[in-house]
PDB file of N, CA and C in Angstrom:
ATOM      1  N   UNK A   1    -159.786 -47.570  26.073  1.00  0.00           N
ATOM      2  CA  UNK A   1    -160.882 -47.665  25.130  1.00  0.00           C
ATOM      3  C   UNK A   1    -160.778 -49.023  24.425  1.00  0.00           C
ATOM      4  N   UNK A   2    -161.864 -49.727  24.329  1.00  0.00           N
ATOM      5  CA  UNK A   2    -161.850 -51.041  23.702  1.00  0.00           C
ATOM      6  C   UNK A   2    -161.863 -50.914  22.184  1.00  0.00           C
ATOM      7  N   UNK A   3    -161.295 -51.894  21.536  1.00  0.00           N
ATOM      8  CA  UNK A   3    -161.221 -51.912  20.077  1.00  0.00           C
ATOM      9  C   UNK A   3    -162.376 -52.748  19.527  1.00  0.00           C
ATOM     10  N   UNK A   4    -163.089 -52.214  18.580  1.00  0.00           N
ATOM     11  CA  UNK A   4    -164.209 -52.916  17.972  1.00  0.00           C
ATOM     12  C   UNK A   4    -163.694 -53.755  16.803  1.00  0.00           C
ATOM     13  N   UNK A   5    -163.731 -55.059  16.940  1.00  0.00           N
ATOM     14  CA  UNK A   5    -163.211 -55.937  15.896  1.00  0.00           C
ATOM     15  C   UNK A   5    -164.163 -56.070  14.712  1.00  0.00           C
ATOM     16  N   UNK A   6    -165.403 -55.630  14.851  1.00  0.00           N
ATOM     17  CA  UNK A   6    -166.371 -55.689  13.766  1.00  0.00           C
ATOM     18  C   UNK A   6    -166.452 -54.364  13.000  1.00  0.00           C
ATOM     19  N   UNK A   7    -165.481 -53.506  13.196  1.00  0.00           N
ATOM     20  CA  UNK A   7    -165.467 -52.195  12.557  1.00  0.00           C
ATOM     21  C   UNK A   7    -165.311 -52.361  11.046  1.00  0.00           C
ATOM     22  N   UNK A   8    -166.280 -51.855  10.248  1.00  0.00           N
ATOM     23  CA  UNK A   8    -166.206 -52.031   8.798  1.00  0.00           C
ATOM     24  C   UNK A   8    -165.211 -51.103   8.119  1.00  0.00           C
ATOM     25  N   UNK A   9    -164.576 -50.189   8.850  1.00  0.00           N
ATOM     26  CA  UNK A   9    -163.595 -49.300   8.262  1.00  0.00           C
ATOM     27  C   UNK A   9    -164.140 -47.920   7.962  1.00  0.00           C
ATOM     28  N   UNK A  10    -165.438 -47.758   7.994  1.00  0.00           N
ATOM     29  CA  UNK A  10    -166.082 -46.467   7.779  1.00  0.00           C
ATOM     30  C   UNK A  10    -165.654 -45.815   6.472  1.00  0.00           C
ATOM     31  N   UNK A  11    -165.403 -46.594   5.448  1.00  0.00           N
ATOM     32  CA  UNK A  11    -165.121 -46.047   4.126  1.00  0.00           C
ATOM     33  C   UNK A  11    -163.751 -45.428   3.983  1.00  0.00           C
ATOM     34  N   UNK A  12    -162.785 -45.874   4.746  1.00  0.00           N
ATOM     35  CA  UNK A  12    -161.442 -45.325   4.661  1.00  0.00           C
ATOM     36  C   UNK A  12    -160.719 -45.967   3.474  1.00  0.00           C
ATOM     37  N   UNK A  13    -161.068 -45.496   2.262  1.00  0.00           N
ATOM     38  CA  UNK A  13    -160.485 -46.058   1.053  1.00  0.00           C
ATOM     39  C   UNK A  13    -160.419 -44.989  -0.033  1.00  0.00           C
ATOM     40  N   UNK A  14    -159.691 -45.287  -1.081  1.00  0.00           N
ATOM     41  CA  UNK A  14    -159.572 -44.368  -2.218  1.00  0.00           C
ATOM     42  C   UNK A  14    -160.946 -44.130  -2.837  1.00  0.00           C
ATOM     43  N   UNK A  15    -161.743 -45.176  -2.972  1.00  0.00           N
ATOM     44  CA  UNK A  15    -163.066 -45.052  -3.586  1.00  0.00           C
ATOM     45  C   UNK A  15    -163.961 -44.104  -2.789  1.00  0.00           C
ATOM     46  N   UNK A  16    -163.996 -44.270  -1.485  1.00  0.00           N
ATOM     47  CA  UNK A  16    -164.880 -43.422  -0.678  1.00  0.00           C
ATOM     48  C   UNK A  16    -164.371 -41.993  -0.601  1.00  0.00           C
ATOM     49  N   UNK A  17    -163.073 -41.812  -0.447  1.00  0.00           N
ATOM     50  CA  UNK A  17    -162.528 -40.457  -0.389  1.00  0.00           C
ATOM     51  C   UNK A  17    -162.762 -39.714  -1.702  1.00  0.00           C
ATOM     52  N   UNK A  18    -162.605 -40.387  -2.823  1.00  0.00           N
ATOM     53  CA  UNK A  18    -162.838 -39.750  -4.119  1.00  0.00           C
ATOM     54  C   UNK A  18    -164.295 -39.373  -4.288  1.00  0.00           C
ATOM     55  N   UNK A  19    -165.192 -40.285  -3.949  1.00  0.00           N
ATOM     56  CA  UNK A  19    -166.625 -40.009  -4.080  1.00  0.00           C
ATOM     57  C   UNK A  19    -167.041 -38.845  -3.185  1.00  0.00           C
ATOM     58  N   UNK A  20    -166.598 -38.848  -1.941  1.00  0.00           N
ATOM     59  CA  UNK A  20    -166.971 -37.793  -1.011  1.00  0.00           C
ATOM     60  C   UNK A  20    -166.381 -36.447  -1.437  1.00  0.00           C
ATOM     61  N   UNK A  21    -165.164 -36.451  -1.958  1.00  0.00           N
ATOM     62  CA  UNK A  21    -164.550 -35.203  -2.426  1.00  0.00           C
ATOM     63  C   UNK A  21    -165.328 -34.613  -3.593  1.00  0.00           C
ATOM     64  N   UNK A  22    -165.724 -35.450  -4.544  1.00  0.00           N
ATOM     65  CA  UNK A  22    -166.523 -34.975  -5.680  1.00  0.00           C
ATOM     66  C   UNK A  22    -167.851 -34.405  -5.186  1.00  0.00           C
ATOM     67  N   UNK A  23    -168.500 -35.101  -4.266  1.00  0.00           N
ATOM     68  CA  UNK A  23    -169.786 -34.643  -3.736  1.00  0.00           C
ATOM     69  C   UNK A  23    -169.626 -33.322  -2.984  1.00  0.00           C
ATOM     70  N   UNK A  24    -168.574 -33.180  -2.206  1.00  0.00           N
ATOM     71  CA  UNK A  24    -168.364 -31.939  -1.463  1.00  0.00           C
ATOM     72  C   UNK A  24    -168.068 -30.758  -2.377  1.00  0.00           C
ATOM     73  N   UNK A  25    -167.255 -30.967  -3.403  1.00  0.00           N
ATOM     74  CA  UNK A  25    -166.947 -29.887  -4.345  1.00  0.00           C
ATOM     75  C   UNK A  25    -168.207 -29.467  -5.096  1.00  0.00           C
ATOM     76  N   UNK A  26    -168.981 -30.442  -5.537  1.00  0.00           N
ATOM     77  CA  UNK A  26    -170.223 -30.136  -6.245  1.00  0.00           C
ATOM     78  C   UNK A  26    -171.214 -29.385  -5.379  1.00  0.00           C
ATOM     79  N   UNK A  27    -171.314 -29.778  -4.116  1.00  0.00           N
ATOM     80  CA  UNK A  27    -172.226 -29.109  -3.196  1.00  0.00           C
ATOM     81  C   UNK A  27    -171.772 -27.675  -2.910  1.00  0.00           C
ATOM     82  N   UNK A  28    -170.481 -27.490  -2.713  1.00  0.00           N
ATOM     83  CA  UNK A  28    -169.954 -26.144  -2.454  1.00  0.00           C
ATOM     84  C   UNK A  28    -170.150 -25.243  -3.672  1.00  0.00           C
ATOM     85  N   UNK A  29    -169.853 -25.763  -4.856  1.00  0.00           N
ATOM     86  CA  UNK A  29    -170.034 -24.969  -6.075  1.00  0.00           C
ATOM     87  C   UNK A  29    -171.508 -24.647  -6.296  1.00  0.00           C
ATOM     88  N   UNK A  30    -172.379 -25.602  -6.031  1.00  0.00           N
ATOM     89  CA  UNK A  30    -173.813 -25.377  -6.178  1.00  0.00           C
ATOM     90  C   UNK A  30    -174.332 -24.338  -5.190  1.00  0.00           C
ATOM     91  N   UNK A  31    -173.789 -24.361  -3.989  1.00  0.00           N
ATOM     92  CA  UNK A  31    -174.188 -23.377  -2.985  1.00  0.00           C
ATOM     93  C   UNK A  31    -173.784 -21.970  -3.422  1.00  0.00           C
ATOM     94  N   UNK A  32    -172.561 -21.826  -3.904  1.00  0.00           N
ATOM     95  CA  UNK A  32    -172.114 -20.513  -4.393  1.00  0.00           C
ATOM     96  C   UNK A  32    -172.933 -20.065  -5.600  1.00  0.00           C
ATOM     97  N   UNK A  33    -173.194 -20.993  -6.516  1.00  0.00           N
ATOM     98  CA  UNK A  33    -173.991 -20.647  -7.701  1.00  0.00           C
ATOM     99  C   UNK A  33    -175.401 -20.228  -7.303  1.00  0.00           C
ATOM    100  N   UNK A  34    -175.975 -20.900  -6.330  1.00  0.00           N
ATOM    101  CA  UNK A  34    -177.301 -20.529  -5.843  1.00  0.00           C
ATOM    102  C   UNK A  34    -177.271 -19.144  -5.198  1.00  0.00           C
ATOM    103  N   UNK A  35    -176.226 -18.882  -4.437  1.00  0.00           N
ATOM    104  CA  UNK A  35    -176.081 -17.599  -3.773  1.00  0.00           C
ATOM    105  C   UNK A  35    -175.957 -16.455  -4.796  1.00  0.00           C
ATOM    106  N   UNK A  36    -175.249 -16.735  -5.912  1.00  0.00           N
ATOM    107  CA  UNK A  36    -175.095 -15.737  -6.972  1.00  0.00           C
ATOM    108  C   UNK A  36    -176.231 -15.769  -7.987  1.00  0.00           C
ATOM    109  N   UNK A  37    -177.252 -16.561  -7.725  1.00  0.00           N
ATOM    110  CA  UNK A  37    -178.450 -16.651  -8.564  1.00  0.00           C
ATOM    111  C   UNK A  37    -178.115 -17.052 -10.004  1.00  0.00           C
ATOM    112  N   UNK A  38    -177.314 -18.111 -10.123  1.00  0.00           N
ATOM    113  CA  UNK A  38    -176.898 -18.615 -11.431  1.00  0.00           C
ATOM    114  C   UNK A  38    -177.486 -20.027 -11.601  1.00  0.00           C
ATOM    115  N   UNK A  39    -178.714 -20.101 -12.121  1.00  0.00           N
ATOM    116  CA  UNK A  39    -179.444 -21.373 -12.209  1.00  0.00           C
ATOM    117  C   UNK A  39    -178.729 -22.427 -13.054  1.00  0.00           C
ATOM    118  N   UNK A  40    -178.163 -22.081 -14.230  1.00  0.00           N
ATOM    119  CA  UNK A  40    -177.485 -23.132 -15.004  1.00  0.00           C
ATOM    120  C   UNK A  40    -176.305 -23.753 -14.250  1.00  0.00           C
ATOM    121  N   UNK A  41    -175.580 -22.938 -13.511  1.00  0.00           N
ATOM    122  CA  UNK A  41    -174.455 -23.468 -12.744  1.00  0.00           C
ATOM    123  C   UNK A  41    -174.929 -24.300 -11.547  1.00  0.00           C
ATOM    124  N   UNK A  42    -176.077 -23.947 -10.989  1.00  0.00           N
ATOM    125  CA  UNK A  42    -176.649 -24.760  -9.903  1.00  0.00           C
ATOM    126  C   UNK A  42    -176.958 -26.165 -10.429  1.00  0.00           C
ATOM    127  N   UNK A  43    -177.595 -26.253 -11.591  1.00  0.00           N
ATOM    128  CA  UNK A  43    -177.935 -27.560 -12.158  1.00  0.00           C
ATOM    129  C   UNK A  43    -176.691 -28.333 -12.594  1.00  0.00           C
ATOM    130  N   UNK A  44    -175.689 -27.632 -13.120  1.00  0.00           N
ATOM    131  CA  UNK A  44    -174.431 -28.301 -13.484  1.00  0.00           C
ATOM    132  C   UNK A  44    -173.743 -28.842 -12.230  1.00  0.00           C
ATOM    133  N   UNK A  45    -173.785 -28.087 -11.152  1.00  0.00           N
ATOM    134  CA  UNK A  45    -173.195 -28.549  -9.890  1.00  0.00           C
ATOM    135  C   UNK A  45    -173.953 -29.744  -9.328  1.00  0.00           C
ATOM    136  N   UNK A  46    -175.268 -29.736  -9.493  1.00  0.00           N
ATOM    137  CA  UNK A  46    -176.070 -30.880  -9.035  1.00  0.00           C
ATOM    138  C   UNK A  46    -175.691 -32.137  -9.815  1.00  0.00           C
ATOM    139  N   UNK A  47    -175.505 -31.998 -11.118  1.00  0.00           N
ATOM    140  CA  UNK A  47    -175.095 -33.144 -11.939  1.00  0.00           C
ATOM    141  C   UNK A  47    -173.707 -33.627 -11.533  1.00  0.00           C
ATOM    142  N   UNK A  48    -172.796 -32.688 -11.276  1.00  0.00           N
ATOM    143  CA  UNK A  48    -171.444 -33.041 -10.841  1.00  0.00           C
ATOM    144  C   UNK A  48    -171.483 -33.755  -9.492  1.00  0.00           C
ATOM    145  N   UNK A  49    -172.334 -33.281  -8.598  1.00  0.00           N
ATOM    146  CA  UNK A  49    -172.475 -33.907  -7.287  1.00  0.00           C
ATOM    147  C   UNK A  49    -172.953 -35.348  -7.423  1.00  0.00           C
ATOM    148  N   UNK A  50    -173.944 -35.569  -8.267  1.00  0.00           N
ATOM    149  CA  UNK A  50    -174.463 -36.926  -8.479  1.00  0.00           C
ATOM    150  C   UNK A  50    -173.438 -37.833  -9.149  1.00  0.00           C
ATOM    151  N   UNK A  51    -172.480 -37.249  -9.854  1.00  0.00           N
ATOM    152  CA  UNK A  51    -171.426 -38.031 -10.503  1.00  0.00           C
ATOM    153  C   UNK A  51    -170.550 -38.751  -9.470  1.00  0.00           C
ATOM    154  N   UNK A  52    -170.504 -38.231  -8.255  1.00  0.00           N
ATOM    155  CA  UNK A  52    -169.687 -38.849  -7.213  1.00  0.00           C
ATOM    156  C   UNK A  52    -170.124 -40.257  -6.868  1.00  0.00           C
ATOM    157  N   UNK A  53    -171.408 -40.546  -6.978  1.00  0.00           N
ATOM    158  CA  UNK A  53    -171.920 -41.876  -6.622  1.00  0.00           C
ATOM    159  C   UNK A  53    -171.400 -42.962  -7.573  1.00  0.00           C
ATOM    160  N   UNK A  54    -171.592 -42.820  -8.903  1.00  0.00           N
ATOM    161  CA  UNK A  54    -171.069 -43.868  -9.779  1.00  0.00           C
ATOM    162  C   UNK A  54    -169.543 -43.944  -9.795  1.00  0.00           C
ATOM    163  N   UNK A  55    -168.867 -42.822  -9.561  1.00  0.00           N
ATOM    164  CA  UNK A  55    -167.401 -42.862  -9.498  1.00  0.00           C
ATOM    165  C   UNK A  55    -166.961 -43.719  -8.317  1.00  0.00           C
ATOM    166  N   UNK A  56    -167.594 -43.542  -7.160  1.00  0.00           N
ATOM    167  CA  UNK A  56    -167.261 -44.350  -5.996  1.00  0.00           C
ATOM    168  C   UNK A  56    -167.540 -45.829  -6.210  1.00  0.00           C
ATOM    169  N   UNK A  57    -168.678 -46.119  -6.839  1.00  0.00           N
ATOM    170  CA  UNK A  57    -169.025 -47.516  -7.121  1.00  0.00           C
ATOM    171  C   UNK A  57    -168.036 -48.135  -8.105  1.00  0.00           C
ATOM    172  N   UNK A  58    -167.685 -47.382  -9.144  1.00  0.00           N
ATOM    173  CA  UNK A  58    -166.731 -47.880 -10.145  1.00  0.00           C
ATOM    174  C   UNK A  58    -165.364 -48.149  -9.520  1.00  0.00           C
ATOM    175  N   UNK A  59    -164.887 -47.230  -8.697  1.00  0.00           N
ATOM    176  CA  UNK A  59    -163.598 -47.439  -8.044  1.00  0.00           C
ATOM    177  C   UNK A  59    -163.634 -48.635  -7.091  1.00  0.00           C
ATOM    178  N   UNK A  60    -164.754 -48.821  -6.406  1.00  0.00           N
ATOM    179  CA  UNK A  60    -164.874 -49.979  -5.509  1.00  0.00           C
ATOM    180  C   UNK A  60    -164.815 -51.276  -6.304  1.00  0.00           C
ATOM    181  N   UNK A  61    -165.504 -51.306  -7.441  1.00  0.00           N
ATOM    182  CA  UNK A  61    -165.482 -52.515  -8.286  1.00  0.00           C
ATOM    183  C   UNK A  61    -164.104 -52.790  -8.865  1.00  0.00           C
ATOM    184  N   UNK A  62    -163.300 -51.732  -9.023  1.00  0.00           N
ATOM    185  CA  UNK A  62    -161.948 -51.904  -9.548  1.00  0.00           C
ATOM    186  C   UNK A  62    -160.950 -52.295  -8.467  1.00  0.00           C
ATOM    187  N   UNK A  63    -161.415 -52.408  -7.219  1.00  0.00           N
ATOM    188  CA  UNK A  63    -160.557 -52.882  -6.149  1.00  0.00           C
ATOM    189  C   UNK A  63    -160.016 -51.805  -5.232  1.00  0.00           C
ATOM    190  N   UNK A  64    -160.517 -50.578  -5.330  1.00  0.00           N
ATOM    191  CA  UNK A  64    -160.038 -49.492  -4.488  1.00  0.00           C
ATOM    192  C   UNK A  64    -160.925 -49.238  -3.279  1.00  0.00           C
ATOM    193  N   UNK A  65    -161.883 -50.094  -3.022  1.00  0.00           N
ATOM    194  CA  UNK A  65    -162.744 -49.965  -1.848  1.00  0.00           C
ATOM    195  C   UNK A  65    -162.100 -50.598  -0.628  1.00  0.00           C
ATOM    196  N   UNK A  66    -162.785 -50.529   0.499  1.00  0.00           N
ATOM    197  CA  UNK A  66    -162.282 -51.134   1.726  1.00  0.00           C
ATOM    198  C   UNK A  66    -162.144 -52.631   1.513  1.00  0.00           C
ATOM    199  N   UNK A  67    -160.951 -53.150   1.748  1.00  0.00           N
ATOM    200  CA  UNK A  67    -160.698 -54.570   1.586  1.00  0.00           C
ATOM    201  C   UNK A  67    -160.441 -54.993   0.151  1.00  0.00           C
ATOM    202  N   UNK A  68    -160.387 -54.052  -0.779  1.00  0.00           N
ATOM    203  CA  UNK A  68    -160.123 -54.381  -2.179  1.00  0.00           C
ATOM    204  C   UNK A  68    -158.666 -54.764  -2.403  1.00  0.00           C
ATOM    205  N   UNK A  69    -158.413 -55.431  -3.523  1.00  0.00           N
ATOM    206  CA  UNK A  69    -157.053 -55.904  -3.773  1.00  0.00           C
ATOM    207  C   UNK A  69    -156.058 -54.764  -4.028  1.00  0.00           C
ATOM    208  N   UNK A  70    -156.532 -53.596  -4.442  1.00  0.00           N
ATOM    209  CA  UNK A  70    -155.642 -52.454  -4.684  1.00  0.00           C
ATOM    210  C   UNK A  70    -155.640 -51.464  -3.526  1.00  0.00           C
ATOM    211  N   UNK A  71    -156.402 -51.755  -2.502  1.00  0.00           N
ATOM    212  CA  UNK A  71    -156.511 -50.858  -1.355  1.00  0.00           C
ATOM    213  C   UNK A  71    -155.399 -51.160  -0.353  1.00  0.00           C
ATOM    214  N   UNK A  72    -154.875 -50.098   0.243  1.00  0.00           N
ATOM    215  CA  UNK A  72    -153.836 -50.279   1.268  1.00  0.00           C
ATOM    216  C   UNK A  72    -154.445 -50.703   2.592  1.00  0.00           C
ATOM    217  N   UNK A  73    -155.693 -50.326   2.844  1.00  0.00           N
ATOM    218  CA  UNK A  73    -156.367 -50.683   4.082  1.00  0.00           C
ATOM    219  C   UNK A  73    -157.100 -52.011   3.906  1.00  0.00           C
ATOM    220  N   UNK A  74    -156.688 -52.997   4.640  1.00  0.00           N
ATOM    221  CA  UNK A  74    -157.297 -54.326   4.565  1.00  0.00           C
ATOM    222  C   UNK A  74    -158.155 -54.594   5.779  1.00  0.00           C
ATOM    223  N   UNK A  75    -159.049 -53.678   6.118  1.00  0.00           N
ATOM    224  CA  UNK A  75    -159.875 -53.765   7.325  1.00  0.00           C
ATOM    225  C   UNK A  75    -160.385 -55.143   7.462  1.00  0.00           C
TER     226      UNK A  75
END
């Protein structure tokens, strides 16, 4: 299999893993809340899910993104 030298790393960093984990937890909690017909918890889960985006951006700006100075992966 050939190696792609233009591979951007596909988000293999602390910033992306943290953002995706927050989004997945929020989505799972929102799904359960929807299933149990708990509207306030559905909206709280939606807000928590959206929180994953700025957390990922903030961590990337702090150097934890792909190629960042604090990242172990220097793609």
